[in-house]
């Protein structure tokens, strides 16, 4: 699963975050979110950070790539 993260501070950074789909959906279900497609269509930077935090809390791997712009 792919999500973008933009830090909205001076000198903002943009990241592409890649998550394992099954683990991603498992986290969403634990948060009471059953429609992952709707979630991905409407997510915010805070949602991306939440997913990063949840993956790190569980010790799961994800990919975070810095995008230059």
PDB file of N, CA and C in Angstrom:
ATOM      1  N   UNK A   1       0.854  -1.167   0.000  1.00  0.00           N
ATOM      2  CA  UNK A   1       0.000   0.000   0.000  1.00  0.00           C
ATOM      3  C   UNK A   1       0.901   1.232   0.000  1.00  0.00           C
ATOM      4  N   UNK A   2       0.497   2.237  -0.701  1.00  0.00           N
ATOM      5  CA  UNK A   2       1.293   3.446  -0.870  1.00  0.00           C
ATOM      6  C   UNK A   2       0.569   4.639  -0.261  1.00  0.00           C
ATOM      7  N   UNK A   3       1.321   5.445   0.505  1.00  0.00           N
ATOM      8  CA  UNK A   3       0.786   6.699   1.045  1.00  0.00           C
ATOM      9  C   UNK A   3       1.887   7.744   0.948  1.00  0.00           C
ATOM     10  N   UNK A   4       1.496   9.004   0.821  1.00  0.00           N
ATOM     11  CA  UNK A   4       2.463  10.096   0.842  1.00  0.00           C
ATOM     12  C   UNK A   4       2.415  10.789   2.184  1.00  0.00           C
ATOM     13  N   UNK A   5       3.561  11.339   2.568  1.00  0.00           N
ATOM     14  CA  UNK A   5       3.666  12.109   3.806  1.00  0.00           C
ATOM     15  C   UNK A   5       4.394  13.398   3.492  1.00  0.00           C
ATOM     16  N   UNK A   6       3.781  14.528   3.828  1.00  0.00           N
ATOM     17  CA  UNK A   6       4.404  15.833   3.660  1.00  0.00           C
ATOM     18  C   UNK A   6       4.490  16.476   5.036  1.00  0.00           C
ATOM     19  N   UNK A   7       5.695  16.882   5.419  1.00  0.00           N
ATOM     20  CA  UNK A   7       5.842  17.601   6.684  1.00  0.00           C
ATOM     21  C   UNK A   7       5.627  19.076   6.381  1.00  0.00           C
ATOM     22  N   UNK A   8       4.603  19.659   6.965  1.00  0.00           N
ATOM     23  CA  UNK A   8       4.204  21.030   6.640  1.00  0.00           C
ATOM     24  C   UNK A   8       4.920  22.045   7.524  1.00  0.00           C
ATOM     25  N   UNK A   9       6.235  22.007   7.473  1.00  0.00           N
ATOM     26  CA  UNK A   9       7.064  22.983   8.177  1.00  0.00           C
ATOM     27  C   UNK A   9       7.997  23.598   7.154  1.00  0.00           C
ATOM     28  N   UNK A  10       8.658  24.675   7.541  1.00  0.00           N
ATOM     29  CA  UNK A  10       9.585  25.321   6.626  1.00  0.00           C
ATOM     30  C   UNK A  10      10.625  24.309   6.156  1.00  0.00           C
ATOM     31  N   UNK A  11      10.865  24.266   4.871  1.00  0.00           N
ATOM     32  CA  UNK A  11      11.769  23.269   4.318  1.00  0.00           C
ATOM     33  C   UNK A  11      11.131  21.894   4.305  1.00  0.00           C
ATOM     34  N   UNK A  12       9.850  21.840   3.975  1.00  0.00           N
ATOM     35  CA  UNK A  12       9.069  20.600   4.026  1.00  0.00           C
ATOM     36  C   UNK A  12       9.755  19.450   3.299  1.00  0.00           C
ATOM     37  N   UNK A  13       9.553  18.267   3.839  1.00  0.00           N
ATOM     38  CA  UNK A  13      10.014  17.047   3.199  1.00  0.00           C
ATOM     39  C   UNK A  13       8.793  16.285   2.696  1.00  0.00           C
ATOM     40  N   UNK A  14       8.974  15.591   1.582  1.00  0.00           N
ATOM     41  CA  UNK A  14       7.915  14.745   1.033  1.00  0.00           C
ATOM     42  C   UNK A  14       8.449  13.321   0.997  1.00  0.00           C
ATOM     43  N   UNK A  15       7.627  12.394   1.466  1.00  0.00           N
ATOM     44  CA  UNK A  15       8.009  10.989   1.498  1.00  0.00           C
ATOM     45  C   UNK A  15       6.957  10.138   0.811  1.00  0.00           C
ATOM     46  N   UNK A  16       7.397   9.073   0.171  1.00  0.00           N
ATOM     47  CA  UNK A  16       6.508   8.017  -0.278  1.00  0.00           C
ATOM     48  C   UNK A  16       6.706   6.872   0.697  1.00  0.00           C
ATOM     49  N   UNK A  17       5.621   6.378   1.253  1.00  0.00           N
ATOM     50  CA  UNK A  17       5.682   5.287   2.219  1.00  0.00           C
ATOM     51  C   UNK A  17       4.975   4.069   1.634  1.00  0.00           C
ATOM     52  N   UNK A  18       5.653   2.948   1.677  1.00  0.00           N
ATOM     53  CA  UNK A  18       5.123   1.697   1.150  1.00  0.00           C
ATOM     54  C   UNK A  18       4.950   0.722   2.298  1.00  0.00           C
ATOM     55  N   UNK A  19       3.740   0.176   2.435  1.00  0.00           N
ATOM     56  CA  UNK A  19       3.404  -0.730   3.527  1.00  0.00           C
ATOM     57  C   UNK A  19       2.933  -2.075   2.968  1.00  0.00           C
ATOM     58  N   UNK A  20       3.184  -3.142   3.704  1.00  0.00           N
ATOM     59  CA  UNK A  20       2.655  -4.457   3.371  1.00  0.00           C
ATOM     60  C   UNK A  20       1.128  -4.394   3.454  1.00  0.00           C
ATOM     61  N   UNK A  21       0.456  -4.835   2.384  1.00  0.00           N
ATOM     62  CA  UNK A  21      -1.000  -4.680   2.292  1.00  0.00           C
ATOM     63  C   UNK A  21      -1.744  -5.415   3.403  1.00  0.00           C
ATOM     64  N   UNK A  22      -1.384  -6.669   3.679  1.00  0.00           N
ATOM     65  CA  UNK A  22      -2.100  -7.437   4.701  1.00  0.00           C
ATOM     66  C   UNK A  22      -1.925  -6.816   6.080  1.00  0.00           C
ATOM     67  N   UNK A  23      -0.715  -6.375   6.382  1.00  0.00           N
ATOM     68  CA  UNK A  23      -0.459  -5.751   7.686  1.00  0.00           C
ATOM     69  C   UNK A  23      -1.158  -4.401   7.783  1.00  0.00           C
ATOM     70  N   UNK A  24      -1.163  -3.665   6.680  1.00  0.00           N
ATOM     71  CA  UNK A  24      -1.835  -2.368   6.608  1.00  0.00           C
ATOM     72  C   UNK A  24      -3.325  -2.524   6.928  1.00  0.00           C
ATOM     73  N   UNK A  25      -3.956  -3.495   6.270  1.00  0.00           N
ATOM     74  CA  UNK A  25      -5.386  -3.739   6.480  1.00  0.00           C
ATOM     75  C   UNK A  25      -5.637  -4.218   7.908  1.00  0.00           C
ATOM     76  N   UNK A  26      -4.729  -5.030   8.452  1.00  0.00           N
ATOM     77  CA  UNK A  26      -4.867  -5.501   9.831  1.00  0.00           C
ATOM     78  C   UNK A  26      -4.882  -4.326  10.814  1.00  0.00           C
ATOM     79  N   UNK A  27      -4.011  -3.350  10.597  1.00  0.00           N
ATOM     80  CA  UNK A  27      -3.988  -2.155  11.450  1.00  0.00           C
ATOM     81  C   UNK A  27      -5.284  -1.370  11.295  1.00  0.00           C
ATOM     82  N   UNK A  28      -5.733  -1.167  10.061  1.00  0.00           N
ATOM     83  CA  UNK A  28      -6.981  -0.432   9.843  1.00  0.00           C
ATOM     84  C   UNK A  28      -8.144  -1.114  10.552  1.00  0.00           C
ATOM     85  N   UNK A  29      -8.210  -2.442  10.438  1.00  0.00           N
ATOM     86  CA  UNK A  29      -9.284  -3.179  11.114  1.00  0.00           C
ATOM     87  C   UNK A  29      -9.209  -3.004  12.623  1.00  0.00           C
ATOM     88  N   UNK A  30      -7.995  -2.987  13.179  1.00  0.00           N
ATOM     89  CA  UNK A  30      -7.853  -2.803  14.629  1.00  0.00           C
ATOM     90  C   UNK A  30      -8.284  -1.407  15.062  1.00  0.00           C
ATOM     91  N   UNK A  31      -8.267  -0.460  14.116  1.00  0.00           N
ATOM     92  CA  UNK A  31      -8.714   0.909  14.392  1.00  0.00           C
ATOM     93  C   UNK A  31     -10.202   1.102  14.092  1.00  0.00           C
ATOM     94  N   UNK A  32     -10.865   0.028  13.655  1.00  0.00           N
ATOM     95  CA  UNK A  32     -12.298   0.097  13.355  1.00  0.00           C
ATOM     96  C   UNK A  32     -12.607   0.582  11.949  1.00  0.00           C
ATOM     97  N   UNK A  33     -11.614   0.554  11.060  1.00  0.00           N
ATOM     98  CA  UNK A  33     -11.806   1.003   9.675  1.00  0.00           C
ATOM     99  C   UNK A  33     -11.854  -0.234   8.793  1.00  0.00           C
ATOM    100  N   UNK A  34     -13.003  -0.462   8.149  1.00  0.00           N
ATOM    101  CA  UNK A  34     -13.155  -1.676   7.356  1.00  0.00           C
ATOM    102  C   UNK A  34     -12.993  -1.441   5.854  1.00  0.00           C
ATOM    103  N   UNK A  35     -13.117  -0.215   5.394  1.00  0.00           N
ATOM    104  CA  UNK A  35     -13.024   0.086   3.961  1.00  0.00           C
ATOM    105  C   UNK A  35     -11.681   0.750   3.665  1.00  0.00           C
ATOM    106  N   UNK A  36     -10.659  -0.057   3.371  1.00  0.00           N
ATOM    107  CA  UNK A  36      -9.320   0.483   3.169  1.00  0.00           C
ATOM    108  C   UNK A  36      -9.220   1.325   1.894  1.00  0.00           C
ATOM    109  N   UNK A  37     -10.017   1.024   0.878  1.00  0.00           N
ATOM    110  CA  UNK A  37      -9.985   1.829  -0.346  1.00  0.00           C
ATOM    111  C   UNK A  37     -10.498   3.243  -0.069  1.00  0.00           C
ATOM    112  N   UNK A  38     -11.560   3.347   0.703  1.00  0.00           N
ATOM    113  CA  UNK A  38     -12.092   4.654   1.077  1.00  0.00           C
ATOM    114  C   UNK A  38     -11.068   5.411   1.919  1.00  0.00           C
ATOM    115  N   UNK A  39     -10.410   4.703   2.840  1.00  0.00           N
ATOM    116  CA  UNK A  39      -9.383   5.314   3.675  1.00  0.00           C
ATOM    117  C   UNK A  39      -8.257   5.895   2.815  1.00  0.00           C
ATOM    118  N   UNK A  40      -7.762   5.114   1.850  1.00  0.00           N
ATOM    119  CA  UNK A  40      -6.669   5.587   1.000  1.00  0.00           C
ATOM    120  C   UNK A  40      -7.084   6.754   0.109  1.00  0.00           C
ATOM    121  N   UNK A  41      -8.349   6.806  -0.228  1.00  0.00           N
ATOM    122  CA  UNK A  41      -8.845   7.901  -1.067  1.00  0.00           C
ATOM    123  C   UNK A  41      -8.927   9.208  -0.271  1.00  0.00           C
ATOM    124  N   UNK A  42      -9.095   9.119   1.049  1.00  0.00           N
ATOM    125  CA  UNK A  42      -9.360  10.299   1.871  1.00  0.00           C
ATOM    126  C   UNK A  42      -8.336  10.568   2.976  1.00  0.00           C
ATOM    127  N   UNK A  43      -7.200   9.924   2.963  1.00  0.00           N
ATOM    128  CA  UNK A  43      -6.257  10.078   4.076  1.00  0.00           C
ATOM    129  C   UNK A  43      -5.547  11.432   4.086  1.00  0.00           C
ATOM    130  N   UNK A  44      -4.999  11.781   5.251  1.00  0.00           N
ATOM    131  CA  UNK A  44      -4.218  13.008   5.419  1.00  0.00           C
ATOM    132  C   UNK A  44      -2.811  12.633   5.878  1.00  0.00           C
ATOM    133  N   UNK A  45      -1.941  13.631   5.996  1.00  0.00           N
ATOM    134  CA  UNK A  45      -0.574  13.380   6.471  1.00  0.00           C
ATOM    135  C   UNK A  45      -0.587  12.778   7.874  1.00  0.00           C
ATOM    136  N   UNK A  46      -1.549  13.184   8.710  1.00  0.00           N
ATOM    137  CA  UNK A  46      -1.650  12.615  10.058  1.00  0.00           C
ATOM    138  C   UNK A  46      -1.956  11.122  10.001  1.00  0.00           C
ATOM    139  N   UNK A  47      -2.763  10.695   9.020  1.00  0.00           N
ATOM    140  CA  UNK A  47      -3.072   9.276   8.861  1.00  0.00           C
ATOM    141  C   UNK A  47      -1.824   8.492   8.458  1.00  0.00           C
ATOM    142  N   UNK A  48      -1.012   9.085   7.576  1.00  0.00           N
ATOM    143  CA  UNK A  48       0.235   8.431   7.173  1.00  0.00           C
ATOM    144  C   UNK A  48       1.150   8.273   8.372  1.00  0.00           C
ATOM    145  N   UNK A  49       1.270   9.321   9.177  1.00  0.00           N
ATOM    146  CA  UNK A  49       2.120   9.242  10.365  1.00  0.00           C
ATOM    147  C   UNK A  49       1.591   8.201  11.347  1.00  0.00           C
ATOM    148  N   UNK A  50       0.275   8.098  11.459  1.00  0.00           N
ATOM    149  CA  UNK A  50      -0.328   7.078  12.318  1.00  0.00           C
ATOM    150  C   UNK A  50       0.072   5.679  11.844  1.00  0.00           C
ATOM    151  N   UNK A  51       0.019   5.436  10.532  1.00  0.00           N
ATOM    152  CA  UNK A  51       0.400   4.126  10.009  1.00  0.00           C
ATOM    153  C   UNK A  51       1.879   3.848  10.255  1.00  0.00           C
ATOM    154  N   UNK A  52       2.727   4.845  10.075  1.00  0.00           N
ATOM    155  CA  UNK A  52       4.152   4.684  10.358  1.00  0.00           C
ATOM    156  C   UNK A  52       4.339   4.302  11.827  1.00  0.00           C
ATOM    157  N   UNK A  53       3.680   5.031  12.708  1.00  0.00           N
ATOM    158  CA  UNK A  53       3.789   4.760  14.147  1.00  0.00           C
ATOM    159  C   UNK A  53       3.311   3.355  14.496  1.00  0.00           C
ATOM    160  N   UNK A  54       2.198   2.923  13.889  1.00  0.00           N
ATOM    161  CA  UNK A  54       1.655   1.590  14.162  1.00  0.00           C
ATOM    162  C   UNK A  54       2.595   0.491  13.651  1.00  0.00           C
ATOM    163  N   UNK A  55       3.165   0.680  12.478  1.00  0.00           N
ATOM    164  CA  UNK A  55       4.110  -0.303  11.957  1.00  0.00           C
ATOM    165  C   UNK A  55       5.344  -0.376  12.849  1.00  0.00           C
ATOM    166  N   UNK A  56       5.854   0.775  13.271  1.00  0.00           N
ATOM    167  CA  UNK A  56       7.034   0.781  14.134  1.00  0.00           C
ATOM    168  C   UNK A  56       6.735   0.169  15.498  1.00  0.00           C
ATOM    169  N   UNK A  57       5.548   0.434  16.041  1.00  0.00           N
ATOM    170  CA  UNK A  57       5.154  -0.121  17.335  1.00  0.00           C
ATOM    171  C   UNK A  57       5.147  -1.646  17.287  1.00  0.00           C
ATOM    172  N   UNK A  58       4.739  -2.193  16.151  1.00  0.00           N
ATOM    173  CA  UNK A  58       4.656  -3.645  15.993  1.00  0.00           C
ATOM    174  C   UNK A  58       5.972  -4.261  15.506  1.00  0.00           C
ATOM    175  N   UNK A  59       6.949  -3.410  15.186  1.00  0.00           N
ATOM    176  CA  UNK A  59       8.228  -3.904  14.691  1.00  0.00           C
ATOM    177  C   UNK A  59       8.179  -4.395  13.248  1.00  0.00           C
ATOM    178  N   UNK A  60       7.189  -3.906  12.487  1.00  0.00           N
ATOM    179  CA  UNK A  60       7.018  -4.310  11.100  1.00  0.00           C
ATOM    180  C   UNK A  60       7.807  -3.380  10.179  1.00  0.00           C
ATOM    181  N   UNK A  61       8.295  -3.941   9.102  1.00  0.00           N
ATOM    182  CA  UNK A  61       9.060  -3.185   8.111  1.00  0.00           C
ATOM    183  C   UNK A  61       8.134  -2.416   7.165  1.00  0.00           C
ATOM    184  N   UNK A  62       8.602  -1.264   6.731  1.00  0.00           N
ATOM    185  CA  UNK A  62       7.941  -0.489   5.684  1.00  0.00           C
ATOM    186  C   UNK A  62       9.021   0.300   4.980  1.00  0.00           C
ATOM    187  N   UNK A  63       8.712   0.821   3.813  1.00  0.00           N
ATOM    188  CA  UNK A  63       9.691   1.575   3.042  1.00  0.00           C
ATOM    189  C   UNK A  63       9.288   3.043   3.042  1.00  0.00           C
ATOM    190  N   UNK A  64      10.239   3.920   3.350  1.00  0.00           N
ATOM    191  CA  UNK A  64       9.989   5.368   3.369  1.00  0.00           C
ATOM    192  C   UNK A  64      11.051   6.019   2.490  1.00  0.00           C
ATOM    193  N   UNK A  65      10.614   6.551   1.354  1.00  0.00           N
ATOM    194  CA  UNK A  65      11.512   7.132   0.370  1.00  0.00           C
ATOM    195  C   UNK A  65      11.326   8.649   0.342  1.00  0.00           C
ATOM    196  N   UNK A  66      12.430   9.380   0.446  1.00  0.00           N
ATOM    197  CA  UNK A  66      12.389  10.845   0.363  1.00  0.00           C
ATOM    198  C   UNK A  66      12.284  11.257  -1.099  1.00  0.00           C
ATOM    199  N   UNK A  67      11.332  12.139  -1.385  1.00  0.00           N
ATOM    200  CA  UNK A  67      11.117  12.652  -2.738  1.00  0.00           C
ATOM    201  C   UNK A  67      11.627  14.091  -2.797  1.00  0.00           C
ATOM    202  N   UNK A  68      12.495  14.360  -3.728  1.00  0.00           N
ATOM    203  CA  UNK A  68      13.016  15.714  -3.898  1.00  0.00           C
ATOM    204  C   UNK A  68      12.093  16.498  -4.819  1.00  0.00           C
ATOM    205  N   UNK A  69      11.829  17.740  -4.443  1.00  0.00           N
ATOM    206  CA  UNK A  69      11.006  18.583  -5.306  1.00  0.00           C
ATOM    207  C   UNK A  69      11.508  19.989  -5.300  1.00  0.00           C
TER     208      UNK A  69
END
